[in-house]
Structure formats: structure tokens, C-alpha cells
Amino acid sequence: MQLQSRLKMANLISMYWQWSRFKSSVLFP
């Protein structure tokens, strides 16, 4: 159970990281 929740957290963090990078690349080329 704990491992699954940890995986979900890592997935959310990676998604947020990719989104922030995409935003920064679009707003500040």
C-alpha cells in the first residue's frame, strides 16, 4: 500500500516538473 502511494507521489511530482518546465520554456524562450 505504502509503495503504491509513493509511486503516485513520484508520478505527480514528475508531471508537475514537466509542466513547469514546459511553462517556463513557453513563457521565457
PDB file of N, CA and C in Angstrom:
ATOM      1  N   MET A   1       0.840  -1.200   0.000  1.00  0.00           N
ATOM      2  CA  MET A   1       0.000   0.000   0.000  1.00  0.00           C
ATOM      3  C   MET A   1       0.877   1.252   0.000  1.00  0.00           C
ATOM      4  N   GLN A   2       1.867   1.267   0.905  1.00  0.00           N
ATOM      5  CA  GLN A   2       2.708   2.461   1.005  1.00  0.00           C
ATOM      6  C   GLN A   2       3.499   2.677  -0.292  1.00  0.00           C
ATOM      7  N   LEU A   3       3.965   1.568  -0.879  1.00  0.00           N
ATOM      8  CA  LEU A   3       4.757   1.698  -2.102  1.00  0.00           C
ATOM      9  C   LEU A   3       3.915   2.322  -3.207  1.00  0.00           C
ATOM     10  N   GLN A   4       2.648   1.914  -3.307  1.00  0.00           N
ATOM     11  CA  GLN A   4       1.782   2.453  -4.353  1.00  0.00           C
ATOM     12  C   GLN A   4       1.577   3.953  -4.165  1.00  0.00           C
ATOM     13  N   SER A   5       1.336   4.367  -2.931  1.00  0.00           N
ATOM     14  CA  SER A   5       1.120   5.803  -2.684  1.00  0.00           C
ATOM     15  C   SER A   5       2.397   6.580  -3.013  1.00  0.00           C
ATOM     16  N   ARG A   6       3.554   5.963  -2.708  1.00  0.00           N
ATOM     17  CA  ARG A   6       4.815   6.637  -3.016  1.00  0.00           C
ATOM     18  C   ARG A   6       4.987   6.776  -4.529  1.00  0.00           C
ATOM     19  N   LEU A   7       4.589   5.728  -5.263  1.00  0.00           N
ATOM     20  CA  LEU A   7       4.682   5.788  -6.719  1.00  0.00           C
ATOM     21  C   LEU A   7       3.777   6.886  -7.248  1.00  0.00           C
ATOM     22  N   LYS A   8       2.584   6.998  -6.659  1.00  0.00           N
ATOM     23  CA  LYS A   8       1.657   8.035  -7.107  1.00  0.00           C
ATOM     24  C   LYS A   8       2.255   9.414  -6.858  1.00  0.00           C
ATOM     25  N   MET A   9       2.891   9.588  -5.726  1.00  0.00           N
ATOM     26  CA  MET A   9       3.504  10.876  -5.409  1.00  0.00           C
ATOM     27  C   MET A   9       4.599  11.191  -6.431  1.00  0.00           C
ATOM     28  N   ALA A  10       5.440  10.198  -6.739  1.00  0.00           N
ATOM     29  CA  ALA A  10       6.522  10.415  -7.694  1.00  0.00           C
ATOM     30  C   ALA A  10       5.951  10.780  -9.063  1.00  0.00           C
ATOM     31  N   ASN A  11       4.841  10.135  -9.425  1.00  0.00           N
ATOM     32  CA  ASN A  11       4.222  10.434 -10.717  1.00  0.00           C
ATOM     33  C   ASN A  11       3.721  11.864 -10.738  1.00  0.00           C
ATOM     34  N   LEU A  12       3.080  12.289  -9.648  1.00  0.00           N
ATOM     35  CA  LEU A  12       2.563  13.660  -9.591  1.00  0.00           C
ATOM     36  C   LEU A  12       3.705  14.657  -9.657  1.00  0.00           C
ATOM     37  N   ILE A  13       4.785  14.365  -8.939  1.00  0.00           N
ATOM     38  CA  ILE A  13       5.922  15.285  -8.925  1.00  0.00           C
ATOM     39  C   ILE A  13       6.530  15.393 -10.320  1.00  0.00           C
ATOM     40  N   SER A  14       6.676  14.262 -11.007  1.00  0.00           N
ATOM     41  CA  SER A  14       7.267  14.300 -12.352  1.00  0.00           C
ATOM     42  C   SER A  14       6.355  15.053 -13.310  1.00  0.00           C
ATOM     43  N   MET A  15       5.038  14.858 -13.168  1.00  0.00           N
ATOM     44  CA  MET A  15       4.104  15.575 -14.029  1.00  0.00           C
ATOM     45  C   MET A  15       4.210  17.079 -13.788  1.00  0.00           C
ATOM     46  N   TYR A  16       4.259  17.471 -12.509  1.00  0.00           N
ATOM     47  CA  TYR A  16       4.367  18.898 -12.176  1.00  0.00           C
ATOM     48  C   TYR A  16       5.688  19.463 -12.694  1.00  0.00           C
ATOM     49  N   TRP A  17       6.766  18.673 -12.579  1.00  0.00           N
ATOM     50  CA  TRP A  17       8.076  19.130 -13.031  1.00  0.00           C
ATOM     51  C   TRP A  17       8.058  19.359 -14.538  1.00  0.00           C
ATOM     52  N   GLN A  18       7.467  18.405 -15.283  1.00  0.00           N
ATOM     53  CA  GLN A  18       7.407  18.549 -16.733  1.00  0.00           C
ATOM     54  C   GLN A  18       6.552  19.758 -17.105  1.00  0.00           C
ATOM     55  N   TRP A  19       5.434  19.931 -16.395  1.00  0.00           N
ATOM     56  CA  TRP A  19       4.538  21.061 -16.699  1.00  0.00           C
ATOM     57  C   TRP A  19       5.241  22.387 -16.431  1.00  0.00           C
ATOM     58  N   SER A  20       5.956  22.497 -15.323  1.00  0.00           N
ATOM     59  CA  SER A  20       6.638  23.753 -15.008  1.00  0.00           C
ATOM     60  C   SER A  20       7.732  24.023 -16.045  1.00  0.00           C
ATOM     61  N   ARG A  21       8.432  22.977 -16.478  1.00  0.00           N
ATOM     62  CA  ARG A  21       9.467  23.169 -17.484  1.00  0.00           C
ATOM     63  C   ARG A  21       8.843  23.624 -18.796  1.00  0.00           C
ATOM     64  N   PHE A  22       7.712  23.006 -19.160  1.00  0.00           N
ATOM     65  CA  PHE A  22       7.020  23.394 -20.401  1.00  0.00           C
ATOM     66  C   PHE A  22       6.569  24.846 -20.315  1.00  0.00           C
ATOM     67  N   LYS A  23       5.999  25.214 -19.163  1.00  0.00           N
ATOM     68  CA  LYS A  23       5.533  26.587 -18.987  1.00  0.00           C
ATOM     69  C   LYS A  23       6.707  27.572 -19.100  1.00  0.00           C
ATOM     70  N   SER A  24       7.789  27.263 -18.430  1.00  0.00           N
ATOM     71  CA  SER A  24       8.924  28.189 -18.449  1.00  0.00           C
ATOM     72  C   SER A  24       9.504  28.298 -19.863  1.00  0.00           C
ATOM     73  N   SER A  25       9.554  27.190 -20.580  1.00  0.00           N
ATOM     74  CA  SER A  25      10.113  27.238 -21.935  1.00  0.00           C
ATOM     75  C   SER A  25       9.202  28.039 -22.858  1.00  0.00           C
ATOM     76  N   VAL A  26       7.890  28.002 -22.595  1.00  0.00           N
ATOM     77  CA  VAL A  26       6.953  28.735 -23.458  1.00  0.00           C
ATOM     78  C   VAL A  26       6.939  30.225 -23.098  1.00  0.00           C
ATOM     79  N   LEU A  27       6.971  30.510 -21.803  1.00  0.00           N
ATOM     80  CA  LEU A  27       6.874  31.914 -21.387  1.00  0.00           C
ATOM     81  C   LEU A  27       8.208  32.639 -21.535  1.00  0.00           C
ATOM     82  N   PHE A  28       9.307  31.923 -21.270  1.00  0.00           N
ATOM     83  CA  PHE A  28      10.629  32.562 -21.336  1.00  0.00           C
ATOM     84  C   PHE A  28      11.537  31.763 -22.266  1.00  0.00           C
ATOM     85  N   PRO A  29      11.385  31.929 -23.579  1.00  0.00           N
ATOM     86  CA  PRO A  29      12.194  31.174 -24.545  1.00  0.00           C
ATOM     87  C   PRO A  29      13.653  31.642 -24.591  1.00  0.00           C
TER      88      PRO A  29
END
